[in-house]
C-alpha atoms as a PDB file:
ATOM      1  CA  UNK A   1     -63.274 131.116  37.552  1.00  0.00           C
ATOM      2  CA  UNK A   2     -60.661 129.367  39.513  1.00  0.00           C
ATOM      3  CA  UNK A   3     -60.825 126.452  36.760  1.00  0.00           C
ATOM      4  CA  UNK A   4     -60.170 128.845  33.727  1.00  0.00           C
ATOM      5  CA  UNK A   5     -56.849 130.748  35.623  1.00  0.00           C
ATOM      6  CA  UNK A   6     -54.616 127.926  35.246  1.00  0.00           C
ATOM      7  CA  UNK A   7     -55.560 127.532  31.113  1.00  0.00           C
ATOM      8  CA  UNK A   8     -55.311 131.281  30.750  1.00  0.00           C
ATOM      9  CA  UNK A   9     -51.852 131.764  31.785  1.00  0.00           C
ATOM     10  CA  UNK A  10     -50.696 128.406  30.305  1.00  0.00           C
ATOM     11  CA  UNK A  11     -48.443 129.348  27.805  1.00  0.00           C
ATOM     12  CA  UNK A  12     -47.076 125.967  26.341  1.00  0.00           C
ATOM     13  CA  UNK A  13     -49.595 126.168  22.900  1.00  0.00           C
ATOM     14  CA  UNK A  14     -48.119 129.615  22.071  1.00  0.00           C
ATOM     15  CA  UNK A  15     -45.215 128.549  20.143  1.00  0.00           C
ATOM     16  CA  UNK A  16     -46.634 125.991  18.065  1.00  0.00           C
ATOM     17  CA  UNK A  17     -49.125 128.746  17.196  1.00  0.00           C
ATOM     18  CA  UNK A  18     -46.580 131.368  16.299  1.00  0.00           C
ATOM     19  CA  UNK A  19     -44.876 128.777  13.812  1.00  0.00           C
ATOM     20  CA  UNK A  20     -47.997 127.941  12.330  1.00  0.00           C
ATOM     21  CA  UNK A  21     -48.914 131.552  12.026  1.00  0.00           C
ATOM     22  CA  UNK A  22     -45.269 132.020  10.122  1.00  0.00           C
ATOM     23  CA  UNK A  23     -45.685 129.205   8.035  1.00  0.00           C
ATOM     24  CA  UNK A  24     -48.414 130.254   6.435  1.00  0.00           C
ATOM     25  CA  UNK A  25     -47.181 133.826   5.977  1.00  0.00           C
ATOM     26  CA  UNK A  26     -44.527 132.223   4.336  1.00  0.00           C
ATOM     27  CA  UNK A  27     -46.557 130.246   2.468  1.00  0.00           C
ATOM     28  CA  UNK A  28     -48.716 133.509   1.137  1.00  0.00           C
ATOM     29  CA  UNK A  29     -45.275 135.295   0.483  1.00  0.00           C
ATOM     30  CA  UNK A  30     -43.952 132.325  -1.734  1.00  0.00           C
ATOM     31  CA  UNK A  31     -47.477 131.761  -3.346  1.00  0.00           C
ATOM     32  CA  UNK A  32     -47.508 135.084  -4.746  1.00  0.00           C
ATOM     33  CA  UNK A  33     -43.348 135.394  -5.585  1.00  0.00           C
ATOM     34  CA  UNK A  34     -43.670 132.531  -7.798  1.00  0.00           C
ATOM     35  CA  UNK A  35     -47.376 133.189  -9.213  1.00  0.00           C
ATOM     36  CA  UNK A  36     -45.103 136.295 -10.249  1.00  0.00           C
ATOM     37  CA  UNK A  37     -42.388 135.005 -11.755  1.00  0.00           C
ATOM     38  CA  UNK A  38     -44.769 132.283 -13.897  1.00  0.00           C
ATOM     39  CA  UNK A  39     -46.274 135.827 -15.326  1.00  0.00           C
ATOM     40  CA  UNK A  40     -42.928 137.044 -16.255  1.00  0.00           C
ATOM     41  CA  UNK A  41     -41.484 133.780 -17.193  1.00  0.00           C
ATOM     42  CA  UNK A  42     -44.367 132.873 -19.832  1.00  0.00           C
ATOM     43  CA  UNK A  43     -43.606 136.393 -21.031  1.00  0.00           C
ATOM     44  CA  UNK A  44     -40.016 135.387 -21.708  1.00  0.00           C
ATOM     45  CA  UNK A  45     -40.860 132.229 -23.138  1.00  0.00           C
ATOM     46  CA  UNK A  46     -43.762 134.297 -25.524  1.00  0.00           C
ATOM     47  CA  UNK A  47     -41.050 136.635 -27.026  1.00  0.00           C
ATOM     48  CA  UNK A  48     -38.531 133.990 -27.204  1.00  0.00           C
ATOM     49  CA  UNK A  49     -40.823 131.456 -29.270  1.00  0.00           C
ATOM     50  CA  UNK A  50     -42.079 134.680 -31.424  1.00  0.00           C
ATOM     51  CA  UNK A  51     -38.239 135.297 -32.513  1.00  0.00           C
ATOM     52  CA  UNK A  52     -37.839 132.066 -33.538  1.00  0.00           C
ATOM     53  CA  UNK A  53     -40.744 132.108 -35.858  1.00  0.00           C
ATOM     54  CA  UNK A  54     -39.399 135.089 -37.356  1.00  0.00           C
END
């Protein structure tokens, strides 16, 4: 048990893990926004294409 106590108190990797979690969250948000934006832009281009056809 005495070997585990220093390891449990060590916080040196906590910052890297937090940055990794923030990066993963940011990637998920960006994916959701870009996916939504892509469908919106597809609708805009379809509308413009249909308007040009007459």
